[in-house]
Amino acid sequence: MEENEKKFTYTYSAGEQEEIKKIRQKYLRPEENKMEQLRKLDESASKKGMAVSLVIGTISALVLGIGMCCTMVWADTLFIPGIGIGILGMAGIGLTFPLYRRITKKQREKLAPKIMELTDELMK
């Protein structure tokens, strides 16, 4: 009698399984293919340099504006300091592009091994 009690029953519903898969897909992180990873890595190499350059350039332009304001509005008291402030702003503006290039170059060197690995996989 014990052998009859050890029955195994299995029911399969294709519709139910499909619904389970759809629900599961909502909570899984989407898989990225190798080309998407390569594009994202390449794009991320210049983002940091761009952000830093924009911040420094904006601040430098504002400093230049303050220097111009000092020389034109308060010329009787702040003319000479205004020239110095304006030159400081111009120097900051002039440094933004070399700073961008340097940061981007360092980021590319940092990401190079991963990018080379992905390109090798994609070219094979």
N, C-alpha and C. Protein backbone atom coordinates (compact mmCIF):
# COMPACT_ATOMS: atom_id res chain seq x y z
N MET A 1 0.79 -1.19 0.00
CA MET A 1 0.00 0.00 0.00
C MET A 1 0.84 1.26 0.00
N GLU A 2 1.99 1.20 0.60
CA GLU A 2 2.82 2.39 0.67
C GLU A 2 3.30 2.83 -0.70
N GLU A 3 3.49 1.91 -1.60
CA GLU A 3 3.92 2.27 -2.94
C GLU A 3 2.86 3.07 -3.67
N ASN A 4 1.62 2.78 -3.46
CA ASN A 4 0.54 3.52 -4.10
C ASN A 4 0.44 4.95 -3.56
N GLU A 5 0.86 5.16 -2.34
CA GLU A 5 0.78 6.49 -1.73
C GLU A 5 1.90 7.41 -2.22
N LYS A 6 2.93 6.89 -2.82
CA LYS A 6 4.07 7.69 -3.28
C LYS A 6 3.90 8.11 -4.73
N LYS A 7 2.76 8.56 -5.08
CA LYS A 7 2.51 8.99 -6.45
C LYS A 7 3.08 10.39 -6.67
N PHE A 8 3.51 10.60 -7.87
CA PHE A 8 4.02 11.91 -8.26
C PHE A 8 3.08 12.49 -9.31
N THR A 9 2.57 13.65 -9.02
CA THR A 9 1.70 14.31 -10.00
C THR A 9 2.32 15.64 -10.38
N TYR A 10 2.23 15.95 -11.64
CA TYR A 10 2.81 17.18 -12.16
C TYR A 10 1.82 17.79 -13.13
N THR A 11 1.53 19.05 -12.90
CA THR A 11 0.65 19.75 -13.84
C THR A 11 1.42 20.93 -14.41
N TYR A 12 1.26 21.11 -15.70
CA TYR A 12 1.97 22.17 -16.40
C TYR A 12 0.96 23.01 -17.16
N SER A 13 1.07 24.30 -16.96
CA SER A 13 0.20 25.21 -17.69
C SER A 13 1.08 26.21 -18.42
N ALA A 14 1.03 26.17 -19.75
CA ALA A 14 1.88 27.05 -20.54
C ALA A 14 1.53 28.51 -20.29
N GLY A 15 0.27 28.82 -20.18
CA GLY A 15 -0.16 30.21 -19.94
C GLY A 15 0.34 30.71 -18.59
N GLU A 16 0.26 29.86 -17.59
CA GLU A 16 0.72 30.23 -16.26
C GLU A 16 2.23 30.44 -16.25
N GLN A 17 2.95 29.57 -16.92
CA GLN A 17 4.41 29.71 -17.00
C GLN A 17 4.81 31.00 -17.72
N GLU A 18 4.08 31.33 -18.76
CA GLU A 18 4.36 32.57 -19.51
C GLU A 18 4.12 33.80 -18.63
N GLU A 19 3.05 33.77 -17.86
CA GLU A 19 2.75 34.88 -16.95
C GLU A 19 3.83 35.01 -15.88
N ILE A 20 4.31 33.90 -15.37
CA ILE A 20 5.39 33.92 -14.37
C ILE A 20 6.66 34.52 -14.97
N LYS A 21 6.97 34.15 -16.21
CA LYS A 21 8.15 34.71 -16.88
C LYS A 21 8.03 36.21 -17.08
N LYS A 22 6.84 36.69 -17.46
CA LYS A 22 6.63 38.13 -17.65
C LYS A 22 6.81 38.90 -16.35
N ILE A 23 6.28 38.36 -15.29
CA ILE A 23 6.42 39.02 -13.98
C ILE A 23 7.89 39.02 -13.56
N ARG A 24 8.56 37.92 -13.79
CA ARG A 24 9.99 37.82 -13.43
C ARG A 24 10.83 38.83 -14.21
N GLN A 25 10.53 39.02 -15.49
CA GLN A 25 11.27 39.95 -16.34
C GLN A 25 11.18 41.38 -15.82
N LYS A 26 10.08 41.74 -15.19
CA LYS A 26 9.92 43.09 -14.65
C LYS A 26 10.94 43.39 -13.56
N TYR A 27 11.35 42.37 -12.84
CA TYR A 27 12.22 42.55 -11.69
C TYR A 27 13.68 42.22 -11.96
N LEU A 28 13.97 41.69 -13.11
CA LEU A 28 15.35 41.37 -13.46
C LEU A 28 16.01 42.60 -14.09
N ARG A 29 17.29 42.73 -13.86
CA ARG A 29 18.05 43.79 -14.50
C ARG A 29 18.21 43.42 -15.98
N PRO A 30 17.91 44.35 -16.86
CA PRO A 30 18.01 44.00 -18.29
C PRO A 30 19.45 43.68 -18.68
N GLU A 31 19.58 42.64 -19.45
CA GLU A 31 20.89 42.22 -19.93
C GLU A 31 21.35 43.18 -21.01
N GLU A 32 22.59 43.59 -20.90
CA GLU A 32 23.16 44.46 -21.93
C GLU A 32 24.02 43.60 -22.85
N ASN A 33 23.93 43.89 -24.11
CA ASN A 33 24.82 43.15 -24.99
C ASN A 33 26.18 43.86 -24.99
N LYS A 34 27.15 43.23 -25.56
CA LYS A 34 28.53 43.72 -25.53
C LYS A 34 28.68 45.07 -26.23
N MET A 35 27.93 45.27 -27.31
CA MET A 35 28.04 46.53 -28.05
C MET A 35 27.51 47.69 -27.22
N GLU A 36 26.41 47.48 -26.50
CA GLU A 36 25.87 48.53 -25.64
C GLU A 36 26.85 48.86 -24.53
N GLN A 37 27.48 47.85 -23.96
CA GLN A 37 28.47 48.08 -22.91
C GLN A 37 29.64 48.90 -23.46
N LEU A 38 30.08 48.58 -24.66
CA LEU A 38 31.19 49.29 -25.29
C LEU A 38 30.83 50.75 -25.52
N ARG A 39 29.63 51.00 -26.03
CA ARG A 39 29.19 52.38 -26.26
C ARG A 39 29.12 53.18 -24.97
N LYS A 40 28.58 52.56 -23.91
CA LYS A 40 28.46 53.25 -22.63
C LYS A 40 29.83 53.56 -22.04
N LEU A 41 30.75 52.62 -22.14
CA LEU A 41 32.10 52.86 -21.63
C LEU A 41 32.79 53.99 -22.39
N ASP A 42 32.65 53.97 -23.71
CA ASP A 42 33.26 55.01 -24.54
C ASP A 42 32.68 56.38 -24.21
N GLU A 43 31.38 56.43 -24.01
CA GLU A 43 30.71 57.68 -23.68
C GLU A 43 31.12 58.18 -22.29
N SER A 44 31.28 57.26 -21.36
CA SER A 44 31.62 57.66 -19.98
C SER A 44 33.03 58.21 -19.86
N ALA A 45 33.88 57.93 -20.84
CA ALA A 45 35.26 58.42 -20.78
C ALA A 45 35.32 59.94 -20.84
N SER A 46 34.40 60.57 -21.52
CA SER A 46 34.45 62.03 -21.66
C SER A 46 33.48 62.77 -20.74
N LYS A 47 32.59 62.07 -20.06
CA LYS A 47 31.60 62.74 -19.22
C LYS A 47 32.22 63.51 -18.06
N LYS A 48 33.16 62.89 -17.36
CA LYS A 48 33.77 63.53 -16.20
C LYS A 48 34.51 64.80 -16.61
N GLY A 49 35.29 64.71 -17.67
CA GLY A 49 36.03 65.87 -18.17
C GLY A 49 35.10 66.98 -18.60
N MET A 50 34.00 66.62 -19.23
CA MET A 50 33.04 67.61 -19.68
C MET A 50 32.40 68.32 -18.49
N ALA A 51 32.02 67.58 -17.47
CA ALA A 51 31.38 68.17 -16.30
C ALA A 51 32.32 69.13 -15.58
N VAL A 52 33.56 68.70 -15.37
CA VAL A 52 34.53 69.55 -14.67
C VAL A 52 34.82 70.80 -15.49
N SER A 53 34.99 70.66 -16.79
CA SER A 53 35.26 71.80 -17.65
C SER A 53 34.11 72.79 -17.67
N LEU A 54 32.90 72.29 -17.71
CA LEU A 54 31.74 73.19 -17.70
C LEU A 54 31.65 73.97 -16.39
N VAL A 55 31.89 73.31 -15.28
CA VAL A 55 31.83 74.00 -13.99
C VAL A 55 32.92 75.07 -13.90
N ILE A 56 34.16 74.69 -14.24
CA ILE A 56 35.27 75.65 -14.16
C ILE A 56 35.07 76.79 -15.16
N GLY A 57 34.61 76.47 -16.36
CA GLY A 57 34.37 77.51 -17.36
C GLY A 57 33.29 78.48 -16.93
N THR A 58 32.22 77.96 -16.35
CA THR A 58 31.14 78.83 -15.89
C THR A 58 31.60 79.74 -14.75
N ILE A 59 32.30 79.17 -13.80
CA ILE A 59 32.81 79.97 -12.68
C ILE A 59 33.80 81.02 -13.19
N SER A 60 34.67 80.63 -14.11
CA SER A 60 35.65 81.56 -14.67
C SER A 60 34.98 82.69 -15.43
N ALA A 61 33.93 82.38 -16.17
CA ALA A 61 33.20 83.42 -16.90
C ALA A 61 32.55 84.41 -15.93
N LEU A 62 32.04 83.89 -14.83
CA LEU A 62 31.46 84.77 -13.81
C LEU A 62 32.52 85.64 -13.16
N VAL A 63 33.70 85.08 -12.91
CA VAL A 63 34.80 85.87 -12.34
C VAL A 63 35.22 86.95 -13.33
N LEU A 64 35.30 86.62 -14.61
CA LEU A 64 35.61 87.62 -15.63
C LEU A 64 34.57 88.73 -15.63
N GLY A 65 33.31 88.36 -15.51
CA GLY A 65 32.23 89.35 -15.45
C GLY A 65 32.35 90.26 -14.23
N ILE A 66 32.73 89.68 -13.10
CA ILE A 66 32.93 90.50 -11.90
C ILE A 66 34.08 91.48 -12.12
N GLY A 67 35.15 91.01 -12.74
CA GLY A 67 36.28 91.91 -13.05
C GLY A 67 35.87 93.03 -13.98
N MET A 68 35.08 92.71 -14.99
CA MET A 68 34.60 93.75 -15.92
C MET A 68 33.70 94.74 -15.19
N CYS A 69 32.87 94.23 -14.31
CA CYS A 69 31.98 95.09 -13.53
C CYS A 69 32.79 96.04 -12.64
N CYS A 70 33.83 95.52 -12.03
CA CYS A 70 34.68 96.35 -11.17
C CYS A 70 35.34 97.47 -11.96
N THR A 71 35.79 97.18 -13.18
CA THR A 71 36.48 98.21 -13.96
C THR A 71 35.53 99.22 -14.57
N MET A 72 34.29 98.84 -14.83
CA MET A 72 33.37 99.77 -15.48
C MET A 72 32.44 100.50 -14.50
N VAL A 73 31.94 99.81 -13.52
CA VAL A 73 30.97 100.43 -12.61
C VAL A 73 31.66 101.15 -11.46
N TRP A 74 32.64 100.48 -10.87
CA TRP A 74 33.33 101.08 -9.73
C TRP A 74 34.76 101.46 -10.13
N ALA A 75 34.90 102.11 -11.26
CA ALA A 75 36.21 102.45 -11.80
C ALA A 75 37.02 103.34 -10.86
N ASP A 76 36.35 104.19 -10.10
CA ASP A 76 37.08 105.10 -9.22
C ASP A 76 37.79 104.38 -8.08
N THR A 77 37.26 103.23 -7.61
CA THR A 77 37.89 102.53 -6.48
C THR A 77 38.43 101.15 -6.82
N LEU A 78 37.83 100.45 -7.77
CA LEU A 78 38.20 99.05 -8.03
C LEU A 78 38.72 98.79 -9.44
N PHE A 79 39.28 99.81 -10.08
CA PHE A 79 39.73 99.61 -11.45
C PHE A 79 40.89 98.61 -11.53
N ILE A 80 41.94 98.85 -10.76
CA ILE A 80 43.12 97.97 -10.80
C ILE A 80 42.78 96.56 -10.29
N PRO A 81 42.09 96.41 -9.14
CA PRO A 81 41.71 95.05 -8.74
C PRO A 81 40.79 94.37 -9.76
N GLY A 82 39.94 95.14 -10.43
CA GLY A 82 39.05 94.59 -11.45
C GLY A 82 39.81 94.00 -12.61
N ILE A 83 40.93 94.66 -12.99
CA ILE A 83 41.76 94.13 -14.08
C ILE A 83 42.35 92.78 -13.66
N GLY A 84 42.84 92.71 -12.42
CA GLY A 84 43.41 91.45 -11.92
C GLY A 84 42.36 90.34 -11.86
N ILE A 85 41.16 90.68 -11.39
CA ILE A 85 40.08 89.70 -11.31
C ILE A 85 39.69 89.22 -12.71
N GLY A 86 39.61 90.17 -13.66
CA GLY A 86 39.28 89.81 -15.04
C GLY A 86 40.31 88.90 -15.67
N ILE A 87 41.58 89.18 -15.42
CA ILE A 87 42.66 88.33 -15.96
C ILE A 87 42.58 86.94 -15.36
N LEU A 88 42.25 86.85 -14.07
CA LEU A 88 42.07 85.55 -13.42
C LEU A 88 40.94 84.76 -14.10
N GLY A 89 39.83 85.45 -14.41
CA GLY A 89 38.72 84.80 -15.10
C GLY A 89 39.10 84.33 -16.48
N MET A 90 39.86 85.16 -17.22
CA MET A 90 40.30 84.76 -18.57
C MET A 90 41.23 83.55 -18.50
N ALA A 91 42.09 83.52 -17.50
CA ALA A 91 43.00 82.37 -17.35
C ALA A 91 42.20 81.10 -17.08
N GLY A 92 41.18 81.20 -16.25
CA GLY A 92 40.33 80.04 -15.96
C GLY A 92 39.61 79.55 -17.20
N ILE A 93 39.11 80.49 -17.99
CA ILE A 93 38.44 80.11 -19.24
C ILE A 93 39.42 79.44 -20.19
N GLY A 94 40.63 79.97 -20.24
CA GLY A 94 41.65 79.39 -21.12
C GLY A 94 42.09 77.99 -20.70
N LEU A 95 41.94 77.66 -19.44
CA LEU A 95 42.37 76.35 -18.95
C LEU A 95 41.32 75.26 -19.09
N THR A 96 40.10 75.63 -19.44
CA THR A 96 39.04 74.61 -19.46
C THR A 96 39.27 73.52 -20.50
N PHE A 97 39.66 73.88 -21.71
CA PHE A 97 39.84 72.85 -22.73
C PHE A 97 41.03 71.94 -22.44
N PRO A 98 42.21 72.49 -22.07
CA PRO A 98 43.30 71.58 -21.70
C PRO A 98 42.94 70.67 -20.51
N LEU A 99 42.17 71.19 -19.57
CA LEU A 99 41.72 70.40 -18.43
C LEU A 99 40.80 69.27 -18.90
N TYR A 100 39.89 69.60 -19.81
CA TYR A 100 38.99 68.59 -20.38
C TYR A 100 39.79 67.47 -21.05
N ARG A 101 40.76 67.86 -21.87
CA ARG A 101 41.57 66.86 -22.58
C ARG A 101 42.35 65.98 -21.62
N ARG A 102 42.91 66.58 -20.57
CA ARG A 102 43.70 65.81 -19.62
C ARG A 102 42.84 64.80 -18.84
N ILE A 103 41.69 65.26 -18.36
CA ILE A 103 40.80 64.37 -17.61
C ILE A 103 40.29 63.24 -18.51
N THR A 104 39.91 63.58 -19.73
CA THR A 104 39.41 62.58 -20.67
C THR A 104 40.49 61.55 -21.00
N LYS A 105 41.72 62.02 -21.17
CA LYS A 105 42.83 61.10 -21.45
C LYS A 105 43.04 60.13 -20.29
N LYS A 106 42.99 60.63 -19.07
CA LYS A 106 43.16 59.76 -17.90
C LYS A 106 42.02 58.75 -17.78
N GLN A 107 40.79 59.19 -18.07
CA GLN A 107 39.65 58.29 -18.01
C GLN A 107 39.77 57.21 -19.08
N ARG A 108 40.24 57.58 -20.26
CA ARG A 108 40.41 56.59 -21.33
C ARG A 108 41.48 55.56 -20.97
N GLU A 109 42.56 56.03 -20.34
CA GLU A 109 43.60 55.10 -19.91
C GLU A 109 43.05 54.14 -18.85
N LYS A 110 42.19 54.67 -18.00
CA LYS A 110 41.60 53.85 -16.94
C LYS A 110 40.64 52.80 -17.52
N LEU A 111 39.89 53.17 -18.55
CA LEU A 111 38.90 52.28 -19.15
C LEU A 111 39.45 51.40 -20.27
N ALA A 112 40.68 51.65 -20.70
CA ALA A 112 41.26 50.95 -21.85
C ALA A 112 41.23 49.42 -21.72
N PRO A 113 41.62 48.85 -20.58
CA PRO A 113 41.61 47.37 -20.52
C PRO A 113 40.23 46.77 -20.75
N LYS A 114 39.22 47.36 -20.15
CA LYS A 114 37.86 46.83 -20.31
C LYS A 114 37.37 47.01 -21.76
N ILE A 115 37.67 48.16 -22.34
CA ILE A 115 37.25 48.42 -23.73
C ILE A 115 37.98 47.47 -24.68
N MET A 116 39.27 47.25 -24.45
CA MET A 116 40.02 46.32 -25.31
C MET A 116 39.47 44.89 -25.19
N GLU A 117 39.10 44.51 -23.98
CA GLU A 117 38.52 43.18 -23.77
C GLU A 117 37.20 43.03 -24.53
N LEU A 118 36.36 44.05 -24.45
CA LEU A 118 35.07 43.99 -25.16
C LEU A 118 35.26 44.01 -26.67
N THR A 119 36.18 44.84 -27.15
CA THR A 119 36.39 44.90 -28.61
C THR A 119 36.97 43.58 -29.13
N ASP A 120 37.84 42.95 -28.35
CA ASP A 120 38.38 41.65 -28.76
C ASP A 120 37.26 40.62 -28.87
N GLU A 121 36.34 40.63 -27.88
CA GLU A 121 35.21 39.69 -27.92
C GLU A 121 34.30 39.96 -29.10
N LEU A 122 34.10 41.23 -29.43
CA LEU A 122 33.18 41.58 -30.52
C LEU A 122 33.80 41.30 -31.90
N MET A 123 35.11 41.42 -32.02
CA MET A 123 35.73 41.24 -33.32
C MET A 123 35.96 39.78 -33.67
N LYS A 124 35.86 38.89 -32.69
CA LYS A 124 36.07 37.45 -32.96
C LYS A 124 34.83 36.84 -33.52
